[in-house]
Amino acid sequence: MRQILRFVGVVTTLVGLSGAVDHLWVQPVMGVLNVLNRFVFERVEFFAGWELAANLAVAALGGVVVAAARRSGT
């Protein structure tokens, strides 16, 4: 369970960072990780103007999941 949480946290962090980079510049390298940025944050009106903050929040959430996986003893 710990390894699964760590993997999910790392992927979530990469998705958030990749989306932030893609929002600021065009990113051709990790395009598959930009799913949230391209299909959710830019199309949902709630995130209008807050796409960068939303991507960074996803990256921070991934960091929290990684930290929680480290602390858990399971």
PDB file of N, CA and C in Angstrom:
ATOM      1  N   MET A   1       0.827  -1.191   0.000  1.00  0.00           N
ATOM      2  CA  MET A   1       0.000   0.000   0.000  1.00  0.00           C
ATOM      3  C   MET A   1       0.870   1.252   0.000  1.00  0.00           C
ATOM      4  N   ARG A   2       1.948   1.184   0.732  1.00  0.00           N
ATOM      5  CA  ARG A   2       2.851   2.325   0.827  1.00  0.00           C
ATOM      6  C   ARG A   2       3.465   2.666  -0.526  1.00  0.00           C
ATOM      7  N   GLN A   3       3.862   1.639  -1.265  1.00  0.00           N
ATOM      8  CA  GLN A   3       4.463   1.860  -2.581  1.00  0.00           C
ATOM      9  C   GLN A   3       3.442   2.430  -3.565  1.00  0.00           C
ATOM     10  N   ILE A   4       2.203   1.989  -3.461  1.00  0.00           N
ATOM     11  CA  ILE A   4       1.156   2.502  -4.345  1.00  0.00           C
ATOM     12  C   ILE A   4       0.910   3.978  -4.065  1.00  0.00           C
ATOM     13  N   LEU A   5       0.822   4.341  -2.781  1.00  0.00           N
ATOM     14  CA  LEU A   5       0.637   5.748  -2.421  1.00  0.00           C
ATOM     15  C   LEU A   5       1.804   6.600  -2.897  1.00  0.00           C
ATOM     16  N   ARG A   6       2.998   6.095  -2.737  1.00  0.00           N
ATOM     17  CA  ARG A   6       4.176   6.838  -3.180  1.00  0.00           C
ATOM     18  C   ARG A   6       4.143   7.038  -4.699  1.00  0.00           C
ATOM     19  N   PHE A   7       3.785   5.986  -5.440  1.00  0.00           N
ATOM     20  CA  PHE A   7       3.705   6.087  -6.899  1.00  0.00           C
ATOM     21  C   PHE A   7       2.641   7.098  -7.318  1.00  0.00           C
ATOM     22  N   VAL A   8       1.464   7.026  -6.692  1.00  0.00           N
ATOM     23  CA  VAL A   8       0.387   7.968  -7.009  1.00  0.00           C
ATOM     24  C   VAL A   8       0.817   9.396  -6.684  1.00  0.00           C
ATOM     25  N   GLY A   9       1.507   9.583  -5.575  1.00  0.00           N
ATOM     26  CA  GLY A   9       1.981  10.910  -5.207  1.00  0.00           C
ATOM     27  C   GLY A   9       3.005  11.459  -6.181  1.00  0.00           C
ATOM     28  N   VAL A  10       3.921  10.620  -6.610  1.00  0.00           N
ATOM     29  CA  VAL A  10       4.940  11.069  -7.566  1.00  0.00           C
ATOM     30  C   VAL A  10       4.298  11.423  -8.903  1.00  0.00           C
ATOM     31  N   VAL A  11       3.382  10.583  -9.365  1.00  0.00           N
ATOM     32  CA  VAL A  11       2.710  10.871 -10.642  1.00  0.00           C
ATOM     33  C   VAL A  11       1.877  12.146 -10.532  1.00  0.00           C
ATOM     34  N   THR A  12       1.189  12.327  -9.414  1.00  0.00           N
ATOM     35  CA  THR A  12       0.393  13.536  -9.215  1.00  0.00           C
ATOM     36  C   THR A  12       1.277  14.775  -9.185  1.00  0.00           C
ATOM     37  N   THR A  13       2.418  14.687  -8.543  1.00  0.00           N
ATOM     38  CA  THR A  13       3.356  15.803  -8.531  1.00  0.00           C
ATOM     39  C   THR A  13       3.847  16.114  -9.936  1.00  0.00           C
ATOM     40  N   LEU A  14       4.193  15.086 -10.687  1.00  0.00           N
ATOM     41  CA  LEU A  14       4.645  15.299 -12.063  1.00  0.00           C
ATOM     42  C   LEU A  14       3.544  15.899 -12.936  1.00  0.00           C
ATOM     43  N   VAL A  15       2.310  15.456 -12.748  1.00  0.00           N
ATOM     44  CA  VAL A  15       1.193  16.010 -13.515  1.00  0.00           C
ATOM     45  C   VAL A  15       1.026  17.495 -13.207  1.00  0.00           C
ATOM     46  N   GLY A  16       1.096  17.861 -11.939  1.00  0.00           N
ATOM     47  CA  GLY A  16       0.956  19.264 -11.554  1.00  0.00           C
ATOM     48  C   GLY A  16       2.082  20.131 -12.075  1.00  0.00           C
ATOM     49  N   LEU A  17       3.313  19.662 -11.934  1.00  0.00           N
ATOM     50  CA  LEU A  17       4.453  20.437 -12.424  1.00  0.00           C
ATOM     51  C   LEU A  17       4.456  20.525 -13.943  1.00  0.00           C
ATOM     52  N   SER A  18       4.129  19.436 -14.598  1.00  0.00           N
ATOM     53  CA  SER A  18       4.075  19.434 -16.055  1.00  0.00           C
ATOM     54  C   SER A  18       2.983  20.374 -16.560  1.00  0.00           C
ATOM     55  N   GLY A  19       1.856  20.381 -15.894  1.00  0.00           N
ATOM     56  CA  GLY A  19       0.785  21.295 -16.276  1.00  0.00           C
ATOM     57  C   GLY A  19       1.161  22.743 -16.060  1.00  0.00           C
ATOM     58  N   ALA A  20       1.887  23.030 -14.979  1.00  0.00           N
ATOM     59  CA  ALA A  20       2.334  24.402 -14.734  1.00  0.00           C
ATOM     60  C   ALA A  20       3.317  24.851 -15.807  1.00  0.00           C
ATOM     61  N   VAL A  21       4.250  23.981 -16.153  1.00  0.00           N
ATOM     62  CA  VAL A  21       5.206  24.316 -17.212  1.00  0.00           C
ATOM     63  C   VAL A  21       4.473  24.496 -18.537  1.00  0.00           C
ATOM     64  N   ASP A  22       3.517  23.623 -18.819  1.00  0.00           N
ATOM     65  CA  ASP A  22       2.757  23.727 -20.061  1.00  0.00           C
ATOM     66  C   ASP A  22       1.914  24.994 -20.090  1.00  0.00           C
ATOM     67  N   HIS A  23       1.433  25.427 -18.947  1.00  0.00           N
ATOM     68  CA  HIS A  23       0.645  26.656 -18.906  1.00  0.00           C
ATOM     69  C   HIS A  23       1.519  27.880 -19.169  1.00  0.00           C
ATOM     70  N   LEU A  24       2.746  27.866 -18.667  1.00  0.00           N
ATOM     71  CA  LEU A  24       3.643  29.004 -18.867  1.00  0.00           C
ATOM     72  C   LEU A  24       4.319  28.978 -20.232  1.00  0.00           C
ATOM     73  N   TRP A  25       4.761  27.816 -20.657  1.00  0.00           N
ATOM     74  CA  TRP A  25       5.420  27.618 -21.944  1.00  0.00           C
ATOM     75  C   TRP A  25       4.812  26.387 -22.594  1.00  0.00           C
ATOM     76  N   VAL A  26       5.124  26.191 -23.850  1.00  0.00           N
ATOM     77  CA  VAL A  26       4.677  24.959 -24.511  1.00  0.00           C
ATOM     78  C   VAL A  26       5.658  23.860 -24.161  1.00  0.00           C
ATOM     79  N   GLN A  27       5.146  22.734 -23.726  1.00  0.00           N
ATOM     80  CA  GLN A  27       6.018  21.647 -23.297  1.00  0.00           C
ATOM     81  C   GLN A  27       5.827  20.426 -24.190  1.00  0.00           C
ATOM     82  N   PRO A  28       6.788  20.144 -25.051  1.00  0.00           N
ATOM     83  CA  PRO A  28       6.633  18.998 -25.943  1.00  0.00           C
ATOM     84  C   PRO A  28       7.080  17.671 -25.337  1.00  0.00           C
ATOM     85  N   VAL A  29       7.805  17.691 -24.220  1.00  0.00           N
ATOM     86  CA  VAL A  29       8.435  16.480 -23.699  1.00  0.00           C
ATOM     87  C   VAL A  29       7.446  15.577 -22.975  1.00  0.00           C
ATOM     88  N   MET A  30       6.749  16.099 -21.993  1.00  0.00           N
ATOM     89  CA  MET A  30       5.850  15.279 -21.172  1.00  0.00           C
ATOM     90  C   MET A  30       4.392  15.628 -21.452  1.00  0.00           C
ATOM     91  N   GLY A  31       3.998  15.627 -22.709  1.00  0.00           N
ATOM     92  CA  GLY A  31       2.653  16.031 -23.095  1.00  0.00           C
ATOM     93  C   GLY A  31       1.552  15.172 -22.511  1.00  0.00           C
ATOM     94  N   VAL A  32       1.835  13.903 -22.283  1.00  0.00           N
ATOM     95  CA  VAL A  32       0.803  13.011 -21.760  1.00  0.00           C
ATOM     96  C   VAL A  32       0.453  13.356 -20.312  1.00  0.00           C
ATOM     97  N   LEU A  33       1.344  14.002 -19.610  1.00  0.00           N
ATOM     98  CA  LEU A  33       1.082  14.374 -18.222  1.00  0.00           C
ATOM     99  C   LEU A  33       0.247  15.650 -18.101  1.00  0.00           C
ATOM    100  N   ASN A  34      -0.012  16.320 -19.212  1.00  0.00           N
ATOM    101  CA  ASN A  34      -0.742  17.586 -19.173  1.00  0.00           C
ATOM    102  C   ASN A  34      -2.247  17.410 -19.304  1.00  0.00           C
ATOM    103  N   VAL A  35      -2.746  16.256 -18.967  1.00  0.00           N
ATOM    104  CA  VAL A  35      -4.172  15.961 -19.134  1.00  0.00           C
ATOM    105  C   VAL A  35      -5.031  16.934 -18.334  1.00  0.00           C
ATOM    106  N   LEU A  36      -4.707  17.138 -17.074  1.00  0.00           N
ATOM    107  CA  LEU A  36      -5.505  18.054 -16.251  1.00  0.00           C
ATOM    108  C   LEU A  36      -5.450  19.472 -16.792  1.00  0.00           C
ATOM    109  N   ASN A  37      -4.272  19.913 -17.193  1.00  0.00           N
ATOM    110  CA  ASN A  37      -4.129  21.275 -17.685  1.00  0.00           C
ATOM    111  C   ASN A  37      -4.894  21.487 -18.982  1.00  0.00           C
ATOM    112  N   ARG A  38      -4.822  20.555 -19.881  1.00  0.00           N
ATOM    113  CA  ARG A  38      -5.431  20.747 -21.200  1.00  0.00           C
ATOM    114  C   ARG A  38      -6.919  20.434 -21.251  1.00  0.00           C
ATOM    115  N   PHE A  39      -7.376  19.467 -20.482  1.00  0.00           N
ATOM    116  CA  PHE A  39      -8.766  19.034 -20.605  1.00  0.00           C
ATOM    117  C   PHE A  39      -9.660  19.435 -19.440  1.00  0.00           C
ATOM    118  N   VAL A  40      -9.090  19.802 -18.316  1.00  0.00           N
ATOM    119  CA  VAL A  40      -9.927  20.174 -17.172  1.00  0.00           C
ATOM    120  C   VAL A  40      -9.775  21.652 -16.849  1.00  0.00           C
ATOM    121  N   PHE A  41      -8.577  22.080 -16.515  1.00  0.00           N
ATOM    122  CA  PHE A  41      -8.381  23.441 -16.026  1.00  0.00           C
ATOM    123  C   PHE A  41      -8.683  24.503 -17.078  1.00  0.00           C
ATOM    124  N   GLU A  42      -8.414  24.235 -18.338  1.00  0.00           N
ATOM    125  CA  GLU A  42      -8.665  25.237 -19.369  1.00  0.00           C
ATOM    126  C   GLU A  42     -10.097  25.210 -19.886  1.00  0.00           C
ATOM    127  N   ARG A  43     -10.861  24.175 -19.579  1.00  0.00           N
ATOM    128  CA  ARG A  43     -12.228  24.071 -20.092  1.00  0.00           C
ATOM    129  C   ARG A  43     -13.298  24.317 -19.040  1.00  0.00           C
ATOM    130  N   VAL A  44     -12.953  24.209 -17.781  1.00  0.00           N
ATOM    131  CA  VAL A  44     -13.925  24.435 -16.709  1.00  0.00           C
ATOM    132  C   VAL A  44     -13.862  25.907 -16.316  1.00  0.00           C
ATOM    133  N   GLU A  45     -14.997  26.569 -16.357  1.00  0.00           N
ATOM    134  CA  GLU A  45     -15.051  28.011 -16.110  1.00  0.00           C
ATOM    135  C   GLU A  45     -14.597  28.383 -14.696  1.00  0.00           C
ATOM    136  N   PHE A  46     -14.767  27.484 -13.754  1.00  0.00           N
ATOM    137  CA  PHE A  46     -14.375  27.742 -12.365  1.00  0.00           C
ATOM    138  C   PHE A  46     -12.888  28.082 -12.249  1.00  0.00           C
ATOM    139  N   PHE A  47     -12.054  27.488 -13.102  1.00  0.00           N
ATOM    140  CA  PHE A  47     -10.611  27.688 -13.035  1.00  0.00           C
ATOM    141  C   PHE A  47     -10.118  28.834 -13.906  1.00  0.00           C
ATOM    142  N   ALA A  48     -11.009  29.608 -14.511  1.00  0.00           N
ATOM    143  CA  ALA A  48     -10.605  30.686 -15.415  1.00  0.00           C
ATOM    144  C   ALA A  48      -9.711  31.686 -14.683  1.00  0.00           C
ATOM    145  N   GLY A  49      -8.500  31.835 -15.180  1.00  0.00           N
ATOM    146  CA  GLY A  49      -7.533  32.736 -14.570  1.00  0.00           C
ATOM    147  C   GLY A  49      -6.716  32.103 -13.457  1.00  0.00           C
ATOM    148  N   TRP A  50      -7.074  30.918 -13.030  1.00  0.00           N
ATOM    149  CA  TRP A  50      -6.399  30.246 -11.923  1.00  0.00           C
ATOM    150  C   TRP A  50      -5.751  28.933 -12.347  1.00  0.00           C
ATOM    151  N   GLU A  51      -5.500  28.763 -13.632  1.00  0.00           N
ATOM    152  CA  GLU A  51      -4.965  27.498 -14.127  1.00  0.00           C
ATOM    153  C   GLU A  51      -3.603  27.175 -13.527  1.00  0.00           C
ATOM    154  N   LEU A  52      -2.741  28.187 -13.448  1.00  0.00           N
ATOM    155  CA  LEU A  52      -1.399  27.961 -12.893  1.00  0.00           C
ATOM    156  C   LEU A  52      -1.483  27.568 -11.420  1.00  0.00           C
ATOM    157  N   ALA A  53      -2.304  28.285 -10.662  1.00  0.00           N
ATOM    158  CA  ALA A  53      -2.462  27.962  -9.242  1.00  0.00           C
ATOM    159  C   ALA A  53      -3.051  26.564  -9.057  1.00  0.00           C
ATOM    160  N   ALA A  54      -3.977  26.185  -9.917  1.00  0.00           N
ATOM    161  CA  ALA A  54      -4.576  24.850  -9.820  1.00  0.00           C
ATOM    162  C   ALA A  54      -3.538  23.770 -10.101  1.00  0.00           C
ATOM    163  N   ASN A  55      -2.692  23.983 -11.108  1.00  0.00           N
ATOM    164  CA  ASN A  55      -1.639  23.014 -11.407  1.00  0.00           C
ATOM    165  C   ASN A  55      -0.642  22.909 -10.258  1.00  0.00           C
ATOM    166  N   LEU A  56      -0.281  24.037  -9.679  1.00  0.00           N
ATOM    167  CA  LEU A  56       0.648  24.005  -8.547  1.00  0.00           C
ATOM    168  C   LEU A  56       0.004  23.363  -7.320  1.00  0.00           C
ATOM    169  N   ALA A  57      -1.301  23.540  -7.154  1.00  0.00           N
ATOM    170  CA  ALA A  57      -2.005  22.876  -6.052  1.00  0.00           C
ATOM    171  C   ALA A  57      -2.008  21.363  -6.244  1.00  0.00           C
ATOM    172  N   VAL A  58      -2.149  20.909  -7.482  1.00  0.00           N
ATOM    173  CA  VAL A  58      -2.082  19.471  -7.763  1.00  0.00           C
ATOM    174  C   VAL A  58      -0.691  18.946  -7.438  1.00  0.00           C
ATOM    175  N   ALA A  59       0.341  19.711  -7.810  1.00  0.00           N
ATOM    176  CA  ALA A  59       1.713  19.300  -7.494  1.00  0.00           C
ATOM    177  C   ALA A  59       1.923  19.235  -5.982  1.00  0.00           C
ATOM    178  N   ALA A  60       1.397  20.216  -5.253  1.00  0.00           N
ATOM    179  CA  ALA A  60       1.523  20.211  -3.793  1.00  0.00           C
ATOM    180  C   ALA A  60       0.767  19.033  -3.182  1.00  0.00           C
ATOM    181  N   LEU A  61      -0.402  18.731  -3.717  1.00  0.00           N
ATOM    182  CA  LEU A  61      -1.164  17.576  -3.242  1.00  0.00           C
ATOM    183  C   LEU A  61      -0.376  16.286  -3.444  1.00  0.00           C
ATOM    184  N   GLY A  62       0.293  16.172  -4.576  1.00  0.00           N
ATOM    185  CA  GLY A  62       1.142  15.003  -4.814  1.00  0.00           C
ATOM    186  C   GLY A  62       2.266  14.909  -3.802  1.00  0.00           C
ATOM    187  N   GLY A  63       2.855  16.051  -3.457  1.00  0.00           N
ATOM    188  CA  GLY A  63       3.894  16.059  -2.433  1.00  0.00           C
ATOM    189  C   GLY A  63       3.375  15.629  -1.080  1.00  0.00           C
ATOM    190  N   VAL A  64       2.159  16.041  -0.760  1.00  0.00           N
ATOM    191  CA  VAL A  64       1.545  15.637   0.507  1.00  0.00           C
ATOM    192  C   VAL A  64       1.299  14.133   0.523  1.00  0.00           C
ATOM    193  N   VAL A  65       0.861  13.586  -0.601  1.00  0.00           N
ATOM    194  CA  VAL A  65       0.617  12.139  -0.671  1.00  0.00           C
ATOM    195  C   VAL A  65       1.926  11.368  -0.512  1.00  0.00           C
ATOM    196  N   VAL A  66       2.998  11.861  -1.134  1.00  0.00           N
ATOM    197  CA  VAL A  66       4.306  11.209  -0.978  1.00  0.00           C
ATOM    198  C   VAL A  66       4.752  11.270   0.479  1.00  0.00           C
ATOM    199  N   ALA A  67       4.581  12.429   1.113  1.00  0.00           N
ATOM    200  CA  ALA A  67       4.965  12.562   2.520  1.00  0.00           C
ATOM    201  C   ALA A  67       4.123  11.650   3.410  1.00  0.00           C
ATOM    202  N   ALA A  68       2.842  11.536   3.111  1.00  0.00           N
ATOM    203  CA  ALA A  68       1.978  10.652   3.894  1.00  0.00           C
ATOM    204  C   ALA A  68       2.378   9.192   3.709  1.00  0.00           C
ATOM    205  N   ALA A  69       2.781   8.844   2.503  1.00  0.00           N
ATOM    206  CA  ALA A  69       3.221   7.467   2.255  1.00  0.00           C
ATOM    207  C   ALA A  69       4.502   7.165   3.018  1.00  0.00           C
ATOM    208  N   ARG A  70       5.346   8.158   3.143  1.00  0.00           N
ATOM    209  CA  ARG A  70       6.584   7.971   3.904  1.00  0.00           C
ATOM    210  C   ARG A  70       6.315   7.771   5.387  1.00  0.00           C
ATOM    211  N   ARG A  71       5.348   8.528   5.900  1.00  0.00           N
ATOM    212  CA  ARG A  71       5.055   8.455   7.336  1.00  0.00           C
ATOM    213  C   ARG A  71       4.297   7.200   7.718  1.00  0.00           C
ATOM    214  N   SER A  72       3.489   6.700   6.789  1.00  0.00           N
ATOM    215  CA  SER A  72       2.667   5.534   7.131  1.00  0.00           C
ATOM    216  C   SER A  72       3.544   4.300   7.282  1.00  0.00           C
ATOM    217  N   GLY A  73       3.212   3.499   8.223  1.00  0.00           N
ATOM    218  CA  GLY A  73       3.992   2.300   8.470  1.00  0.00           C
ATOM    219  C   GLY A  73       3.439   1.070   7.784  1.00  0.00           C
ATOM    220  N   THR A  74       2.384   1.239   6.983  1.00  0.00           N
ATOM    221  CA  THR A  74       1.766   0.075   6.334  1.00  0.00           C
ATOM    222  C   THR A  74       2.421  -0.239   5.035  1.00  0.00           C
TER     223      THR A  74
END
